[in-house]
Structures are given as C-alpha cells and as structure tokens.
C-alpha cells in the first residue's frame, strides 16, 4: 500500500500496516475530531484522530522506529471516542477538583 501524507511524504507500507489502516477500528477514527469540538470554533483545526494516528505512525517510521513501534503509533488512539478528553475533564470536575 502506498500512502501519502502532506507533512511526511510518500511511503510504501508493509502489509500488516495496510491491513490495520483498512480495519474497521482504524477507519472509525475518521469520524472523530482530534480536538473535540474545537473545529466548530476554527475550521482549520479540523484534524481527525485517523489523520493524527497515521501521522504518528509515519513520524515514528521516519525516525527509524521498528514495525512494532509504528503499529503502536497507529493504534494509540484506537479506544478514543468523540469528546473523550472532555469526559476526563467532566469526571475530574464531578469530584470537586481540577486534575
């Protein structure tokens, strides 16, 4: 699989990375904004968790990271939901303190 990213350039990816990128859990990240609702304030902040995760993978790759490290970079946000860090803030507020 060939992948081109604006910041990091063009890469030929190993099959395992291509399969992970095409997987449903990674594709789901395309619908989750990296900065939560910040894109509503400034449309230039319209980066998805998918774009962020692929970028992290490519950054690790460009720095000479192993295949395992690239996989970890790609999957590091896989469990995030929309507004996930907002929930962290709400829970810290409900305990009567800021974390």
PDB file of N, CA and C in Angstrom:
ATOM      1  N   UNK A   1       0.847  -1.183   0.000  1.00  0.00           N
ATOM      2  CA  UNK A   1       0.000   0.000   0.000  1.00  0.00           C
ATOM      3  C   UNK A   1       0.888   1.240   0.000  1.00  0.00           C
ATOM      4  N   UNK A   2       0.611   2.138  -0.913  1.00  0.00           N
ATOM      5  CA  UNK A   2       1.274   3.449  -0.947  1.00  0.00           C
ATOM      6  C   UNK A   2       0.444   4.406  -0.112  1.00  0.00           C
ATOM      7  N   UNK A   3       1.106   5.197   0.675  1.00  0.00           N
ATOM      8  CA  UNK A   3       0.407   6.217   1.457  1.00  0.00           C
ATOM      9  C   UNK A   3       1.160   7.527   1.304  1.00  0.00           C
ATOM     10  N   UNK A   4       0.406   8.581   1.117  1.00  0.00           N
ATOM     11  CA  UNK A   4       0.994   9.911   1.001  1.00  0.00           C
ATOM     12  C   UNK A   4       0.376  10.792   2.073  1.00  0.00           C
ATOM     13  N   UNK A   5       1.245  11.440   2.796  1.00  0.00           N
ATOM     14  CA  UNK A   5       0.814  12.342   3.861  1.00  0.00           C
ATOM     15  C   UNK A   5       1.493  13.674   3.612  1.00  0.00           C
ATOM     16  N   UNK A   6       0.757  14.744   3.766  1.00  0.00           N
ATOM     17  CA  UNK A   6       1.243  16.086   3.426  1.00  0.00           C
ATOM     18  C   UNK A   6       2.555  16.438   4.127  1.00  0.00           C
ATOM     19  N   UNK A   7       2.666  16.126   5.381  1.00  0.00           N
ATOM     20  CA  UNK A   7       3.832  16.508   6.170  1.00  0.00           C
ATOM     21  C   UNK A   7       5.011  15.555   5.992  1.00  0.00           C
ATOM     22  N   UNK A   8       4.734  14.240   5.950  1.00  0.00           N
ATOM     23  CA  UNK A   8       5.816  13.248   5.980  1.00  0.00           C
ATOM     24  C   UNK A   8       6.175  12.670   4.623  1.00  0.00           C
ATOM     25  N   UNK A   9       5.357  12.888   3.616  1.00  0.00           N
ATOM     26  CA  UNK A   9       5.685  12.413   2.279  1.00  0.00           C
ATOM     27  C   UNK A   9       5.017  11.105   1.923  1.00  0.00           C
ATOM     28  N   UNK A  10       5.679  10.357   1.030  1.00  0.00           N
ATOM     29  CA  UNK A  10       5.103   9.136   0.486  1.00  0.00           C
ATOM     30  C   UNK A  10       5.871   7.919   0.972  1.00  0.00           C
ATOM     31  N   UNK A  11       5.121   6.880   1.313  1.00  0.00           N
ATOM     32  CA  UNK A  11       5.725   5.662   1.840  1.00  0.00           C
ATOM     33  C   UNK A  11       5.036   4.439   1.251  1.00  0.00           C
ATOM     34  N   UNK A  12       5.796   3.369   1.104  1.00  0.00           N
ATOM     35  CA  UNK A  12       5.245   2.050   0.797  1.00  0.00           C
ATOM     36  C   UNK A  12       5.153   1.313   2.126  1.00  0.00           C
ATOM     37  N   UNK A  13       3.945   0.921   2.499  1.00  0.00           N
ATOM     38  CA  UNK A  13       3.729   0.306   3.800  1.00  0.00           C
ATOM     39  C   UNK A  13       3.728  -1.219   3.726  1.00  0.00           C
ATOM     40  N   UNK A  14       4.161  -1.832   4.810  1.00  0.00           N
ATOM     41  CA  UNK A  14       4.095  -3.269   4.942  1.00  0.00           C
ATOM     42  C   UNK A  14       2.631  -3.696   4.984  1.00  0.00           C
ATOM     43  N   UNK A  15       2.376  -4.960   4.613  1.00  0.00           N
ATOM     44  CA  UNK A  15       1.002  -5.466   4.564  1.00  0.00           C
ATOM     45  C   UNK A  15       0.289  -5.337   5.896  1.00  0.00           C
ATOM     46  N   UNK A  16       0.972  -5.596   6.998  1.00  0.00           N
ATOM     47  CA  UNK A  16       0.309  -5.528   8.306  1.00  0.00           C
ATOM     48  C   UNK A  16      -0.181  -4.110   8.587  1.00  0.00           C
ATOM     49  N   UNK A  17       0.587  -3.109   8.210  1.00  0.00           N
ATOM     50  CA  UNK A  17       0.154  -1.720   8.409  1.00  0.00           C
ATOM     51  C   UNK A  17      -1.030  -1.395   7.507  1.00  0.00           C
ATOM     52  N   UNK A  18      -0.977  -1.859   6.266  1.00  0.00           N
ATOM     53  CA  UNK A  18      -2.077  -1.630   5.324  1.00  0.00           C
ATOM     54  C   UNK A  18      -3.356  -2.283   5.837  1.00  0.00           C
ATOM     55  N   UNK A  19      -3.249  -3.501   6.344  1.00  0.00           N
ATOM     56  CA  UNK A  19      -4.423  -4.200   6.875  1.00  0.00           C
ATOM     57  C   UNK A  19      -4.984  -3.482   8.096  1.00  0.00           C
ATOM     58  N   UNK A  20      -4.110  -2.999   8.970  1.00  0.00           N
ATOM     59  CA  UNK A  20      -4.580  -2.261  10.140  1.00  0.00           C
ATOM     60  C   UNK A  20      -5.263  -0.961   9.732  1.00  0.00           C
ATOM     61  N   UNK A  21      -4.677  -0.242   8.798  1.00  0.00           N
ATOM     62  CA  UNK A  21      -5.269   1.020   8.338  1.00  0.00           C
ATOM     63  C   UNK A  21      -6.646   0.772   7.732  1.00  0.00           C
ATOM     64  N   UNK A  22      -6.801  -0.322   7.007  1.00  0.00           N
ATOM     65  CA  UNK A  22      -8.084  -0.648   6.387  1.00  0.00           C
ATOM     66  C   UNK A  22      -9.091  -1.262   7.350  1.00  0.00           C
ATOM     67  N   UNK A  23      -8.669  -1.574   8.570  1.00  0.00           N
ATOM     68  CA  UNK A  23      -9.561  -2.227   9.533  1.00  0.00           C
ATOM     69  C   UNK A  23     -10.648  -1.268   9.999  1.00  0.00           C
ATOM     70  N   UNK A  24     -11.741  -1.836  10.415  1.00  0.00           N
ATOM     71  CA  UNK A  24     -12.874  -1.036  10.878  1.00  0.00           C
ATOM     72  C   UNK A  24     -12.522  -0.133  12.067  1.00  0.00           C
ATOM     73  N   UNK A  25     -11.797  -0.644  13.081  1.00  0.00           N
ATOM     74  CA  UNK A  25     -11.471   0.240  14.220  1.00  0.00           C
ATOM     75  C   UNK A  25     -10.643   1.466  13.828  1.00  0.00           C
ATOM     76  N   UNK A  26      -9.697   1.312  12.916  1.00  0.00           N
ATOM     77  CA  UNK A  26      -8.885   2.460  12.493  1.00  0.00           C
ATOM     78  C   UNK A  26      -9.713   3.384  11.597  1.00  0.00           C
ATOM     79  N   UNK A  27     -10.490   2.830  10.702  1.00  0.00           N
ATOM     80  CA  UNK A  27     -11.334   3.650   9.831  1.00  0.00           C
ATOM     81  C   UNK A  27     -12.348   4.462  10.640  1.00  0.00           C
ATOM     82  N   UNK A  28     -12.797   3.927  11.778  1.00  0.00           N
ATOM     83  CA  UNK A  28     -13.731   4.633  12.658  1.00  0.00           C
ATOM     84  C   UNK A  28     -13.160   5.974  13.125  1.00  0.00           C
ATOM     85  N   UNK A  29     -11.827   6.055  13.228  1.00  0.00           N
ATOM     86  CA  UNK A  29     -11.181   7.280  13.700  1.00  0.00           C
ATOM     87  C   UNK A  29     -11.373   8.450  12.740  1.00  0.00           C
ATOM     88  N   UNK A  30     -11.757   8.174  11.504  1.00  0.00           N
ATOM     89  CA  UNK A  30     -12.007   9.247  10.536  1.00  0.00           C
ATOM     90  C   UNK A  30     -13.179  10.125  10.962  1.00  0.00           C
ATOM     91  N   UNK A  31     -14.069   9.580  11.788  1.00  0.00           N
ATOM     92  CA  UNK A  31     -15.241  10.325  12.221  1.00  0.00           C
ATOM     93  C   UNK A  31     -15.085  10.997  13.573  1.00  0.00           C
ATOM     94  N   UNK A  32     -13.864  10.969  14.122  1.00  0.00           N
ATOM     95  CA  UNK A  32     -13.640  11.560  15.438  1.00  0.00           C
ATOM     96  C   UNK A  32     -12.612  12.679  15.311  1.00  0.00           C
ATOM     97  N   UNK A  33     -12.998  13.868  15.680  1.00  0.00           N
ATOM     98  CA  UNK A  33     -12.096  15.018  15.596  1.00  0.00           C
ATOM     99  C   UNK A  33     -11.046  14.952  16.696  1.00  0.00           C
ATOM    100  N   UNK A  34      -9.817  15.216  16.341  1.00  0.00           N
ATOM    101  CA  UNK A  34      -8.703  15.167  17.286  1.00  0.00           C
ATOM    102  C   UNK A  34      -8.890  16.155  18.432  1.00  0.00           C
ATOM    103  N   UNK A  35      -9.372  17.324  18.117  1.00  0.00           N
ATOM    104  CA  UNK A  35      -9.514  18.370  19.134  1.00  0.00           C
ATOM    105  C   UNK A  35     -10.921  18.506  19.668  1.00  0.00           C
ATOM    106  N   UNK A  36     -11.711  17.448  19.607  1.00  0.00           N
ATOM    107  CA  UNK A  36     -13.085  17.533  20.089  1.00  0.00           C
ATOM    108  C   UNK A  36     -13.889  18.532  19.267  1.00  0.00           C
ATOM    109  N   UNK A  37     -14.538  19.454  19.920  1.00  0.00           N
ATOM    110  CA  UNK A  37     -15.396  20.421  19.233  1.00  0.00           C
ATOM    111  C   UNK A  37     -14.649  21.673  18.790  1.00  0.00           C
ATOM    112  N   UNK A  38     -13.336  21.688  18.925  1.00  0.00           N
ATOM    113  CA  UNK A  38     -12.574  22.897  18.569  1.00  0.00           C
ATOM    114  C   UNK A  38     -12.750  23.284  17.104  1.00  0.00           C
ATOM    115  N   UNK A  39     -13.042  22.299  16.243  1.00  0.00           N
ATOM    116  CA  UNK A  39     -13.244  22.618  14.832  1.00  0.00           C
ATOM    117  C   UNK A  39     -14.462  23.518  14.625  1.00  0.00           C
ATOM    118  N   UNK A  40     -15.373  23.542  15.586  1.00  0.00           N
ATOM    119  CA  UNK A  40     -16.533  24.427  15.497  1.00  0.00           C
ATOM    120  C   UNK A  40     -16.138  25.883  15.716  1.00  0.00           C
ATOM    121  N   UNK A  41     -15.032  26.096  16.413  1.00  0.00           N
ATOM    122  CA  UNK A  41     -14.528  27.435  16.679  1.00  0.00           C
ATOM    123  C   UNK A  41     -13.641  27.907  15.525  1.00  0.00           C
ATOM    124  N   UNK A  42     -12.822  26.992  15.017  1.00  0.00           N
ATOM    125  CA  UNK A  42     -11.906  27.331  13.936  1.00  0.00           C
ATOM    126  C   UNK A  42     -11.820  26.136  12.983  1.00  0.00           C
ATOM    127  N   UNK A  43     -12.362  26.285  11.801  1.00  0.00           N
ATOM    128  CA  UNK A  43     -12.424  25.171  10.851  1.00  0.00           C
ATOM    129  C   UNK A  43     -11.044  24.668  10.425  1.00  0.00           C
ATOM    130  N   UNK A  44      -9.994  25.427  10.662  1.00  0.00           N
ATOM    131  CA  UNK A  44      -8.630  24.984  10.338  1.00  0.00           C
ATOM    132  C   UNK A  44      -8.153  23.895  11.300  1.00  0.00           C
ATOM    133  N   UNK A  45      -8.845  23.726  12.422  1.00  0.00           N
ATOM    134  CA  UNK A  45      -8.474  22.702  13.409  1.00  0.00           C
ATOM    135  C   UNK A  45      -9.228  21.406  13.143  1.00  0.00           C
ATOM    136  N   UNK A  46      -9.551  21.137  11.916  1.00  0.00           N
ATOM    137  CA  UNK A  46     -10.392  20.012  11.537  1.00  0.00           C
ATOM    138  C   UNK A  46      -9.558  18.764  11.240  1.00  0.00           C
ATOM    139  N   UNK A  47      -8.749  18.340  12.194  1.00  0.00           N
ATOM    140  CA  UNK A  47      -7.928  17.136  12.051  1.00  0.00           C
ATOM    141  C   UNK A  47      -8.643  15.997  12.761  1.00  0.00           C
ATOM    142  N   UNK A  48      -8.687  14.844  12.106  1.00  0.00           N
ATOM    143  CA  UNK A  48      -9.333  13.696  12.733  1.00  0.00           C
ATOM    144  C   UNK A  48      -8.301  12.851  13.477  1.00  0.00           C
ATOM    145  N   UNK A  49      -8.799  11.996  14.345  1.00  0.00           N
ATOM    146  CA  UNK A  49      -7.916  11.062  15.050  1.00  0.00           C
ATOM    147  C   UNK A  49      -7.262  10.100  14.064  1.00  0.00           C
ATOM    148  N   UNK A  50      -7.918   9.821  12.948  1.00  0.00           N
ATOM    149  CA  UNK A  50      -7.324   8.983  11.899  1.00  0.00           C
ATOM    150  C   UNK A  50      -6.078   9.668  11.333  1.00  0.00           C
ATOM    151  N   UNK A  51      -6.234  10.911  10.916  1.00  0.00           N
ATOM    152  CA  UNK A  51      -5.096  11.649  10.356  1.00  0.00           C
ATOM    153  C   UNK A  51      -3.967  11.758  11.370  1.00  0.00           C
ATOM    154  N   UNK A  52      -4.314  12.018  12.617  1.00  0.00           N
ATOM    155  CA  UNK A  52      -3.321  12.115  13.682  1.00  0.00           C
ATOM    156  C   UNK A  52      -2.595  10.777  13.865  1.00  0.00           C
ATOM    157  N   UNK A  53      -3.350   9.688  13.917  1.00  0.00           N
ATOM    158  CA  UNK A  53      -2.754   8.372  14.151  1.00  0.00           C
ATOM    159  C   UNK A  53      -1.847   7.943  13.008  1.00  0.00           C
ATOM    160  N   UNK A  54      -2.273   8.175  11.774  1.00  0.00           N
ATOM    161  CA  UNK A  54      -1.420   7.863  10.624  1.00  0.00           C
ATOM    162  C   UNK A  54      -0.169   8.740  10.661  1.00  0.00           C
ATOM    163  N   UNK A  55      -0.329   9.999  11.023  1.00  0.00           N
ATOM    164  CA  UNK A  55       0.818  10.896  11.141  1.00  0.00           C
ATOM    165  C   UNK A  55       1.815  10.437  12.188  1.00  0.00           C
ATOM    166  N   UNK A  56       1.309   9.973  13.338  1.00  0.00           N
ATOM    167  CA  UNK A  56       2.190   9.458  14.389  1.00  0.00           C
ATOM    168  C   UNK A  56       2.954   8.246  13.870  1.00  0.00           C
ATOM    169  N   UNK A  57       2.253   7.337  13.194  1.00  0.00           N
ATOM    170  CA  UNK A  57       2.899   6.149  12.625  1.00  0.00           C
ATOM    171  C   UNK A  57       4.018   6.554  11.660  1.00  0.00           C
ATOM    172  N   UNK A  58       3.734   7.520  10.798  1.00  0.00           N
ATOM    173  CA  UNK A  58       4.730   7.939   9.814  1.00  0.00           C
ATOM    174  C   UNK A  58       5.893   8.696  10.455  1.00  0.00           C
ATOM    175  N   UNK A  59       5.605   9.454  11.499  1.00  0.00           N
ATOM    176  CA  UNK A  59       6.688  10.123  12.222  1.00  0.00           C
ATOM    177  C   UNK A  59       7.621   9.088  12.835  1.00  0.00           C
ATOM    178  N   UNK A  60       7.054   8.079  13.478  1.00  0.00           N
ATOM    179  CA  UNK A  60       7.868   7.012  14.064  1.00  0.00           C
ATOM    180  C   UNK A  60       8.683   6.319  12.974  1.00  0.00           C
ATOM    181  N   UNK A  61       8.043   6.064  11.838  1.00  0.00           N
ATOM    182  CA  UNK A  61       8.728   5.421  10.714  1.00  0.00           C
ATOM    183  C   UNK A  61       9.892   6.284  10.228  1.00  0.00           C
ATOM    184  N   UNK A  62       9.648   7.586  10.067  1.00  0.00           N
ATOM    185  CA  UNK A  62      10.693   8.473   9.543  1.00  0.00           C
ATOM    186  C   UNK A  62      11.860   8.631  10.517  1.00  0.00           C
ATOM    187  N   UNK A  63      11.604   8.365  11.801  1.00  0.00           N
ATOM    188  CA  UNK A  63      12.670   8.429  12.812  1.00  0.00           C
ATOM    189  C   UNK A  63      13.362   7.081  13.007  1.00  0.00           C
ATOM    190  N   UNK A  64      13.007   6.096  12.176  1.00  0.00           N
ATOM    191  CA  UNK A  64      13.666   4.792  12.226  1.00  0.00           C
ATOM    192  C   UNK A  64      13.047   3.810  13.191  1.00  0.00           C
ATOM    193  N   UNK A  65      11.827   4.061  13.612  1.00  0.00           N
ATOM    194  CA  UNK A  65      11.160   3.162  14.545  1.00  0.00           C
ATOM    195  C   UNK A  65      10.872   1.807  13.935  1.00  0.00           C
ATOM    196  N   UNK A  66      10.821   0.801  14.771  1.00  0.00           N
ATOM    197  CA  UNK A  66      10.553  -0.564  14.324  1.00  0.00           C
ATOM    198  C   UNK A  66       9.106  -0.694  13.847  1.00  0.00           C
ATOM    199  N   UNK A  67       8.817  -1.786  13.178  1.00  0.00           N
ATOM    200  CA  UNK A  67       7.454  -2.053  12.731  1.00  0.00           C
ATOM    201  C   UNK A  67       6.499  -2.103  13.925  1.00  0.00           C
ATOM    202  N   UNK A  68       6.933  -2.714  15.010  1.00  0.00           N
ATOM    203  CA  UNK A  68       6.104  -2.791  16.211  1.00  0.00           C
ATOM    204  C   UNK A  68       5.812  -1.399  16.771  1.00  0.00           C
ATOM    205  N   UNK A  69       6.803  -0.518  16.748  1.00  0.00           N
ATOM    206  CA  UNK A  69       6.601   0.854  17.222  1.00  0.00           C
ATOM    207  C   UNK A  69       5.651   1.615  16.296  1.00  0.00           C
ATOM    208  N   UNK A  70       5.750   1.375  15.001  1.00  0.00           N
ATOM    209  CA  UNK A  70       4.843   2.008  14.048  1.00  0.00           C
ATOM    210  C   UNK A  70       3.405   1.548  14.281  1.00  0.00           C
ATOM    211  N   UNK A  71       3.237   0.254  14.541  1.00  0.00           N
ATOM    212  CA  UNK A  71       1.905  -0.279  14.839  1.00  0.00           C
ATOM    213  C   UNK A  71       1.359   0.373  16.105  1.00  0.00           C
ATOM    214  N   UNK A  72       2.187   0.486  17.130  1.00  0.00           N
ATOM    215  CA  UNK A  72       1.755   1.123  18.377  1.00  0.00           C
ATOM    216  C   UNK A  72       1.344   2.571  18.120  1.00  0.00           C
ATOM    217  N   UNK A  73       2.110   3.287  17.302  1.00  0.00           N
ATOM    218  CA  UNK A  73       1.769   4.669  16.970  1.00  0.00           C
ATOM    219  C   UNK A  73       0.452   4.768  16.235  1.00  0.00           C
ATOM    220  N   UNK A  74       0.224   3.845  15.301  1.00  0.00           N
ATOM    221  CA  UNK A  74      -1.025   3.844  14.541  1.00  0.00           C
ATOM    222  C   UNK A  74      -2.227   3.572  15.431  1.00  0.00           C
ATOM    223  N   UNK A  75      -2.063   2.686  16.392  1.00  0.00           N
ATOM    224  CA  UNK A  75      -3.194   2.238  17.209  1.00  0.00           C
ATOM    225  C   UNK A  75      -3.356   2.981  18.529  1.00  0.00           C
ATOM    226  N   UNK A  76      -2.498   3.956  18.799  1.00  0.00           N
ATOM    227  CA  UNK A  76      -2.506   4.569  20.137  1.00  0.00           C
ATOM    228  C   UNK A  76      -3.805   5.286  20.497  1.00  0.00           C
ATOM    229  N   UNK A  77      -4.590   5.713  19.534  1.00  0.00           N
ATOM    230  CA  UNK A  77      -5.853   6.409  19.816  1.00  0.00           C
ATOM    231  C   UNK A  77      -7.077   5.540  19.528  1.00  0.00           C
ATOM    232  N   UNK A  78      -6.881   4.266  19.284  1.00  0.00           N
ATOM    233  CA  UNK A  78      -7.957   3.394  18.821  1.00  0.00           C
ATOM    234  C   UNK A  78      -9.149   3.352  19.781  1.00  0.00           C
ATOM    235  N   UNK A  79      -8.916   3.537  21.057  1.00  0.00           N
ATOM    236  CA  UNK A  79     -10.011   3.441  22.031  1.00  0.00           C
ATOM    237  C   UNK A  79     -10.750   4.756  22.246  1.00  0.00           C
ATOM    238  N   UNK A  80     -10.277   5.833  21.642  1.00  0.00           N
ATOM    239  CA  UNK A  80     -10.906   7.133  21.865  1.00  0.00           C
ATOM    240  C   UNK A  80     -12.297   7.210  21.244  1.00  0.00           C
ATOM    241  N   UNK A  81     -13.136   7.948  21.923  1.00  0.00           N
ATOM    242  CA  UNK A  81     -14.469   8.250  21.415  1.00  0.00           C
ATOM    243  C   UNK A  81     -14.537   9.752  21.160  1.00  0.00           C
ATOM    244  N   UNK A  82     -15.615  10.171  20.562  1.00  0.00           N
ATOM    245  CA  UNK A  82     -15.810  11.613  20.369  1.00  0.00           C
ATOM    246  C   UNK A  82     -15.847  12.290  21.731  1.00  0.00           C
ATOM    247  N   UNK A  83     -15.163  13.392  21.866  1.00  0.00           N
ATOM    248  CA  UNK A  83     -15.110  14.188  23.097  1.00  0.00           C
ATOM    249  C   UNK A  83     -14.534  13.419  24.285  1.00  0.00           C
ATOM    250  N   UNK A  84     -13.693  12.440  24.033  1.00  0.00           N
ATOM    251  CA  UNK A  84     -13.193  11.575  25.107  1.00  0.00           C
ATOM    252  C   UNK A  84     -12.433  12.343  26.185  1.00  0.00           C
ATOM    253  N   UNK A  85     -11.639  13.328  25.821  1.00  0.00           N
ATOM    254  CA  UNK A  85     -10.912  14.079  26.843  1.00  0.00           C
ATOM    255  C   UNK A  85     -11.818  15.052  27.585  1.00  0.00           C
ATOM    256  N   UNK A  86     -12.914  15.433  26.965  1.00  0.00           N
ATOM    257  CA  UNK A  86     -13.897  16.262  27.661  1.00  0.00           C
ATOM    258  C   UNK A  86     -14.477  15.465  28.829  1.00  0.00           C
ATOM    259  N   UNK A  87     -14.712  14.170  28.599  1.00  0.00           N
ATOM    260  CA  UNK A  87     -15.233  13.314  29.665  1.00  0.00           C
ATOM    261  C   UNK A  87     -14.239  13.258  30.823  1.00  0.00           C
ATOM    262  N   UNK A  88     -12.943  13.187  30.528  1.00  0.00           N
ATOM    263  CA  UNK A  88     -11.931  13.221  31.589  1.00  0.00           C
ATOM    264  C   UNK A  88     -12.102  14.476  32.434  1.00  0.00           C
ATOM    265  N   UNK A  89     -12.311  15.616  31.783  1.00  0.00           N
ATOM    266  CA  UNK A  89     -12.485  16.882  32.481  1.00  0.00           C
ATOM    267  C   UNK A  89     -13.756  16.867  33.330  1.00  0.00           C
ATOM    268  N   UNK A  90     -14.837  16.349  32.770  1.00  0.00           N
ATOM    269  CA  UNK A  90     -16.108  16.294  33.497  1.00  0.00           C
ATOM    270  C   UNK A  90     -15.957  15.432  34.746  1.00  0.00           C
ATOM    271  N   UNK A  91     -15.309  14.273  34.622  1.00  0.00           N
ATOM    272  CA  UNK A  91     -15.135  13.409  35.786  1.00  0.00           C
ATOM    273  C   UNK A  91     -14.288  14.081  36.858  1.00  0.00           C
ATOM    274  N   UNK A  92     -13.259  14.816  36.457  1.00  0.00           N
ATOM    275  CA  UNK A  92     -12.439  15.498  37.461  1.00  0.00           C
ATOM    276  C   UNK A  92     -13.240  16.614  38.129  1.00  0.00           C
ATOM    277  N   UNK A  93     -14.128  17.254  37.390  1.00  0.00           N
ATOM    278  CA  UNK A  93     -14.980  18.299  37.955  1.00  0.00           C
ATOM    279  C   UNK A  93     -16.011  17.709  38.919  1.00  0.00           C
ATOM    280  N   UNK A  94     -16.518  16.528  38.593  1.00  0.00           N
ATOM    281  CA  UNK A  94     -17.549  15.932  39.443  1.00  0.00           C
ATOM    282  C   UNK A  94     -17.002  15.509  40.799  1.00  0.00           C
ATOM    283  N   UNK A  95     -15.689  15.375  40.904  1.00  0.00           N
ATOM    284  CA  UNK A  95     -15.047  15.046  42.173  1.00  0.00           C
ATOM    285  C   UNK A  95     -14.697  16.301  42.964  1.00  0.00           C
ATOM    286  N   UNK A  96     -15.082  17.468  42.418  1.00  0.00           N
ATOM    287  CA  UNK A  96     -14.863  18.714  43.126  1.00  0.00           C
ATOM    288  C   UNK A  96     -13.461  19.278  42.997  1.00  0.00           C
ATOM    289  N   UNK A  97     -12.720  18.819  41.997  1.00  0.00           N
ATOM    290  CA  UNK A  97     -11.354  19.338  41.802  1.00  0.00           C
ATOM    291  C   UNK A  97     -10.992  19.298  40.329  1.00  0.00           C
ATOM    292  N   UNK A  98     -10.006  20.058  39.983  1.00  0.00           N
ATOM    293  CA  UNK A  98      -9.433  20.013  38.644  1.00  0.00           C
ATOM    294  C   UNK A  98      -8.190  19.153  38.682  1.00  0.00           C
ATOM    295  N   UNK A  99      -8.017  18.319  37.697  1.00  0.00           N
ATOM    296  CA  UNK A  99      -6.805  17.497  37.643  1.00  0.00           C
ATOM    297  C   UNK A  99      -5.820  18.082  36.677  1.00  0.00           C
TER     298      UNK A  99
END
